[in-house]
Structures are given as C-alpha cells and as structure tokens.
N, C-alpha and C. Protein backbone atom coordinates (compact mmCIF):
# COMPACT_ATOMS: atom_id res chain seq x y z
N UNK A 1 0.77 -1.16 0.01
CA UNK A 1 0.03 0.07 -0.11
C UNK A 1 0.86 1.14 -0.03
N UNK A 2 0.43 2.40 -0.67
CA UNK A 2 1.26 3.45 -0.78
C UNK A 2 0.41 4.61 -0.24
N UNK A 3 1.10 5.54 0.49
CA UNK A 3 0.43 6.64 1.02
C UNK A 3 0.92 7.91 0.55
N UNK A 4 0.00 8.89 0.16
CA UNK A 4 0.19 10.22 -0.28
C UNK A 4 -0.08 11.10 0.83
N UNK A 5 0.72 11.64 1.59
CA UNK A 5 0.55 12.63 2.62
C UNK A 5 0.59 14.01 2.28
N UNK A 6 -0.57 14.63 2.12
CA UNK A 6 -0.61 16.29 1.69
C UNK A 6 -0.86 17.11 2.77
N UNK A 7 0.10 17.87 3.28
CA UNK A 7 -0.21 19.06 3.99
C UNK A 7 -0.84 20.23 3.55
N UNK A 8 -1.92 20.54 4.16
CA UNK A 8 -2.62 21.56 3.62
C UNK A 8 -1.91 22.92 3.87
N UNK A 9 -1.93 23.83 2.71
CA UNK A 9 -1.58 25.37 2.91
C UNK A 9 -2.31 25.81 4.04
N UNK A 10 -1.54 26.81 4.75
CA UNK A 10 -2.26 27.53 5.94
C UNK A 10 -3.54 28.22 5.35
N UNK A 11 -4.67 28.01 6.07
CA UNK A 11 -5.85 28.61 5.73
C UNK A 11 -6.65 28.02 4.67
N UNK A 12 -6.30 26.98 4.25
CA UNK A 12 -7.07 26.17 3.06
C UNK A 12 -7.49 24.85 3.58
N UNK A 13 -8.67 24.25 3.13
CA UNK A 13 -9.06 22.90 3.32
C UNK A 13 -9.54 22.20 1.80
N UNK A 14 -9.48 21.11 1.92
CA UNK A 14 -9.69 20.22 0.72
C UNK A 14 -11.22 20.49 0.58
N UNK A 15 -11.70 20.54 -0.70
CA UNK A 15 -13.19 20.70 -0.96
C UNK A 15 -13.89 19.32 -0.85
N UNK A 16 -15.13 19.23 -0.56
CA UNK A 16 -15.71 17.88 -0.36
C UNK A 16 -15.99 17.50 -1.94
N UNK A 17 -15.95 18.22 -2.84
CA UNK A 17 -16.06 17.77 -4.33
C UNK A 17 -14.70 16.77 -4.76
N UNK A 18 -13.71 17.63 -4.21
CA UNK A 18 -12.30 17.03 -4.62
C UNK A 18 -12.22 15.52 -3.86
N UNK A 19 -12.79 15.47 -2.63
CA UNK A 19 -12.69 14.27 -2.11
C UNK A 19 -13.66 13.27 -2.71
N UNK A 20 -14.65 13.51 -3.16
CA UNK A 20 -15.41 12.54 -3.90
C UNK A 20 -14.82 12.05 -5.20
N UNK A 21 -14.27 12.98 -5.87
CA UNK A 21 -13.53 12.62 -7.15
C UNK A 21 -12.37 11.76 -6.91
N UNK A 22 -11.60 11.99 -5.92
CA UNK A 22 -10.68 10.99 -5.43
C UNK A 22 -11.07 9.67 -5.12
N UNK A 23 -12.11 9.59 -4.12
CA UNK A 23 -12.70 8.38 -3.76
C UNK A 23 -13.23 7.69 -4.85
N UNK A 24 -13.63 8.09 -5.99
CA UNK A 24 -14.24 7.58 -6.97
C UNK A 24 -13.06 6.89 -8.06
N UNK A 25 -11.96 7.00 -7.90
CA UNK A 25 -10.91 6.41 -8.57
C UNK A 25 -10.38 5.09 -8.18
N UNK A 26 -10.47 4.05 -8.95
CA UNK A 26 -10.28 2.69 -8.42
C UNK A 26 -8.97 2.43 -7.71
N UNK A 27 -7.98 3.18 -8.09
CA UNK A 27 -6.68 3.09 -7.26
C UNK A 27 -6.62 3.52 -5.91
N UNK A 28 -7.72 4.51 -5.36
CA UNK A 28 -7.74 5.06 -4.17
C UNK A 28 -8.60 4.01 -3.05
N UNK A 29 -7.87 3.82 -2.16
CA UNK A 29 -8.51 2.75 -1.24
C UNK A 29 -9.16 3.45 -0.18
N UNK A 30 -8.67 4.57 0.32
CA UNK A 30 -9.37 5.23 1.65
C UNK A 30 -8.52 6.64 1.64
N UNK A 31 -9.53 7.60 2.03
CA UNK A 31 -9.13 8.81 2.26
C UNK A 31 -9.17 9.39 3.66
N UNK A 32 -8.40 9.90 4.50
CA UNK A 32 -8.45 10.40 5.79
C UNK A 32 -7.99 11.89 5.86
N UNK A 33 -8.81 12.56 6.67
CA UNK A 33 -8.43 13.87 6.89
C UNK A 33 -8.10 14.32 8.41
N UNK A 34 -6.82 14.55 8.75
CA UNK A 34 -6.69 14.76 10.28
C UNK A 34 -5.89 16.12 10.35
N UNK A 35 -6.54 17.03 11.05
CA UNK A 35 -6.02 18.23 11.38
C UNK A 35 -5.92 19.03 9.98
N UNK A 36 -4.55 19.24 9.62
CA UNK A 36 -4.40 19.90 8.27
C UNK A 36 -3.57 19.10 7.27
N UNK A 37 -4.06 17.88 7.42
CA UNK A 37 -3.18 16.68 6.55
C UNK A 37 -4.21 15.88 5.95
N UNK A 38 -4.15 15.57 4.62
CA UNK A 38 -4.89 14.81 3.91
C UNK A 38 -4.21 13.40 3.50
N UNK A 39 -4.42 12.29 4.00
CA UNK A 39 -3.95 10.94 3.60
C UNK A 39 -4.46 10.19 2.48
N UNK A 40 -4.06 10.02 1.47
CA UNK A 40 -4.69 9.26 0.47
C UNK A 40 -3.98 7.98 0.33
N UNK A 41 -4.81 6.77 0.61
CA UNK A 41 -4.17 5.34 0.72
C UNK A 41 -4.47 4.89 -0.75
N UNK A 42 -3.42 4.40 -1.34
CA UNK A 42 -3.53 3.62 -2.42
C UNK A 42 -3.25 2.27 -2.53
N UNK A 43 -4.06 1.31 -3.24
CA UNK A 43 -3.86 0.02 -3.31
C UNK A 43 -2.40 -0.36 -3.66
N UNK A 44 -1.96 0.09 -4.87
CA UNK A 44 -0.61 -0.08 -5.22
C UNK A 44 -0.28 0.85 -6.33
N UNK A 45 1.13 1.06 -6.56
CA UNK A 45 1.17 1.81 -7.95
C UNK A 45 2.10 1.01 -8.76
N UNK A 46 2.17 1.16 -10.07
CA UNK A 46 2.80 0.60 -10.90
C UNK A 46 3.72 1.52 -11.83
N UNK A 47 4.19 1.18 -13.09
CA UNK A 47 5.14 2.04 -14.01
C UNK A 47 4.20 3.02 -14.59
N UNK A 48 3.04 3.10 -14.46
CA UNK A 48 2.03 3.87 -15.30
C UNK A 48 1.91 5.24 -14.35
N UNK A 49 2.13 6.28 -15.09
CA UNK A 49 2.05 7.66 -14.50
C UNK A 49 0.55 8.02 -13.92
N UNK A 50 0.34 8.51 -12.67
CA UNK A 50 -0.72 8.94 -11.92
C UNK A 50 -0.77 10.46 -11.79
N UNK A 51 -1.89 11.10 -11.84
CA UNK A 51 -1.98 12.41 -11.54
C UNK A 51 -3.12 12.60 -10.53
N UNK A 52 -2.94 13.28 -9.63
CA UNK A 52 -3.89 13.46 -8.35
C UNK A 52 -4.21 15.03 -8.36
N UNK A 53 -5.43 15.43 -8.48
CA UNK A 53 -5.63 17.09 -8.27
C UNK A 53 -6.57 17.07 -7.06
N UNK A 54 -5.99 18.02 -6.04
CA UNK A 54 -6.86 18.30 -4.93
C UNK A 54 -7.29 19.76 -5.08
N UNK A 55 -8.70 19.98 -5.08
CA UNK A 55 -9.02 21.31 -5.10
C UNK A 55 -9.32 21.77 -3.65
N UNK A 56 -8.59 22.95 -3.53
CA UNK A 56 -8.52 23.58 -2.10
C UNK A 56 -9.43 24.69 -2.05
N UNK A 57 -10.07 25.00 -0.96
CA UNK A 57 -10.85 26.25 -0.76
C UNK A 57 -10.20 27.03 0.36
N UNK A 58 -9.99 28.39 0.19
CA UNK A 58 -9.47 29.26 1.23
C UNK A 58 -10.55 29.71 1.96
N UNK A 59 -10.02 29.40 3.38
CA UNK A 59 -11.29 29.71 4.38
C UNK A 59 -10.73 30.68 5.33
N UNK A 60 -9.50 31.06 5.47
CA UNK A 60 -8.79 32.12 6.26
C UNK A 60 -7.71 32.85 5.22
N UNK A 61 -7.58 34.04 5.48
CA UNK A 61 -6.58 34.71 4.48
C UNK A 61 -5.29 34.65 5.14
N UNK A 62 -4.31 34.24 4.53
CA UNK A 62 -2.92 34.07 5.12
C UNK A 62 -1.99 34.81 4.39
N UNK A 63 -1.24 35.76 5.02
CA UNK A 63 -0.14 36.48 4.38
C UNK A 63 1.19 35.70 4.37
N UNK A 64 1.95 36.09 3.46
CA UNK A 64 3.50 35.18 3.30
C UNK A 64 3.19 33.78 3.42
N UNK A 65 2.28 33.22 2.58
CA UNK A 65 2.07 31.71 2.49
C UNK A 65 3.21 31.04 2.17
N UNK A 66 3.47 29.96 3.08
CA UNK A 66 4.79 29.15 2.87
C UNK A 66 4.27 27.82 2.12
N UNK A 67 5.20 27.29 1.49
CA UNK A 67 4.99 26.10 0.74
C UNK A 67 4.62 25.10 1.76
N UNK A 68 3.64 24.04 1.43
CA UNK A 68 3.25 22.96 2.12
C UNK A 68 4.06 21.65 1.47
N UNK A 69 4.14 20.56 2.22
CA UNK A 69 4.81 19.30 1.81
C UNK A 69 3.69 18.33 1.31
N UNK A 70 4.23 17.54 0.43
CA UNK A 70 3.55 16.35 -0.14
C UNK A 70 4.37 15.12 -0.08
N UNK A 71 4.18 14.03 0.84
CA UNK A 71 5.15 12.99 0.98
C UNK A 71 4.38 11.73 0.42
N UNK A 72 5.31 10.90 -0.19
CA UNK A 72 4.75 9.61 -0.91
C UNK A 72 5.61 8.67 -0.34
N UNK A 73 4.87 7.50 0.24
CA UNK A 73 5.83 6.55 0.86
C UNK A 73 4.98 5.04 0.85
N UNK A 74 5.56 4.10 1.04
CA UNK A 74 5.14 2.68 1.04
C UNK A 74 5.02 2.61 2.55
N UNK A 75 3.60 2.03 2.65
CA UNK A 75 3.05 1.94 4.14
C UNK A 75 3.96 0.95 4.82
N UNK A 76 4.50 -0.10 4.16
CA UNK A 76 5.24 -1.10 4.81
C UNK A 76 6.64 -0.74 4.84
N UNK A 77 7.11 0.24 4.08
CA UNK A 77 8.57 0.80 4.07
C UNK A 77 8.80 2.18 4.04
N UNK A 78 8.31 2.83 5.15
CA UNK A 78 8.17 4.36 5.04
C UNK A 78 9.62 4.90 4.88
N UNK A 79 10.87 4.35 4.90
CA UNK A 79 12.00 4.91 4.78
C UNK A 79 12.45 5.35 3.51
N UNK A 80 11.71 4.75 2.39
CA UNK A 80 11.95 5.25 1.11
C UNK A 80 11.06 6.39 0.74
N UNK A 81 11.12 7.48 1.56
CA UNK A 81 10.24 8.64 1.36
C UNK A 81 10.51 9.64 0.35
N UNK A 82 9.55 10.03 -0.29
CA UNK A 82 9.85 11.03 -1.44
C UNK A 82 9.01 12.47 -0.99
N UNK A 83 9.68 13.38 -0.87
CA UNK A 83 9.03 14.61 -0.34
C UNK A 83 9.09 15.65 -1.65
N UNK A 84 7.92 16.31 -1.81
CA UNK A 84 7.70 17.38 -2.76
C UNK A 84 7.31 18.68 -1.98
N UNK A 85 7.25 19.95 -2.47
CA UNK A 85 6.71 21.04 -1.93
C UNK A 85 5.87 21.61 -3.10
N UNK A 86 4.79 22.41 -2.56
CA UNK A 86 3.83 23.08 -3.37
C UNK A 86 3.31 24.46 -2.78
N UNK A 87 3.04 25.38 -3.72
CA UNK A 87 2.33 26.40 -3.26
C UNK A 87 1.00 26.33 -4.04
N UNK A 88 0.00 26.99 -3.60
CA UNK A 88 -1.34 27.08 -4.26
C UNK A 88 -1.27 27.62 -5.73
N UNK A 89 -2.06 27.09 -6.63
CA UNK A 89 -2.18 27.47 -7.84
C UNK A 89 -3.58 28.18 -8.11
N UNK A 90 -3.51 29.32 -8.76
CA UNK A 90 -4.88 30.15 -8.97
C UNK A 90 -5.88 29.27 -9.46
N UNK A 91 -7.19 29.93 -9.23
CA UNK A 91 -8.48 29.03 -9.62
C UNK A 91 -8.34 29.05 -11.19
C-alpha cells in the first residue's frame, strides 16, 4: 500500500467535491483528513503515471504563504520517502 500525505496550505481546506472525485478512482483505497493533513491510501502503484488533483478552498486569508509538503511512501517501508513542496495554484 502507498500513502500520499498532503499537508494543507495555511488557511486552506480540501473541498468535498475533490474528496468525492478522489474516492471514485479505483486506485484509491481510502482517504483520511486529520487536522491539516490529507492522507490518500492507494492499493498499489505501477510504472504507469498517475495524476492527483486536490481542489482547495481558502477559508482564512494568510499573508506570506509558505510552501506545504507532499510525502509519498510505502506503508510497509516508510524509509523510502519522497518529499515535494507546493504552493497554491490560482483558480
């Protein structure tokens, strides 16, 4: 099992529509939202490229927004961690 751990940008939440679209993908086993982190559990990955789009909604105006992280790792071997950073993209 593979986990995609997405830290939310300060002042943002994931939209319910975004969650619904992710849950409808056959590769997605489960989605959890805890505090400001979204965990997307995938059954498995292969050599085929996958794209995941999360729609965020700004609920609090934040100045000097800092990048948030996306961590991708194997549930059974979390040592092989891949970390990326992102900033919000305009609507």
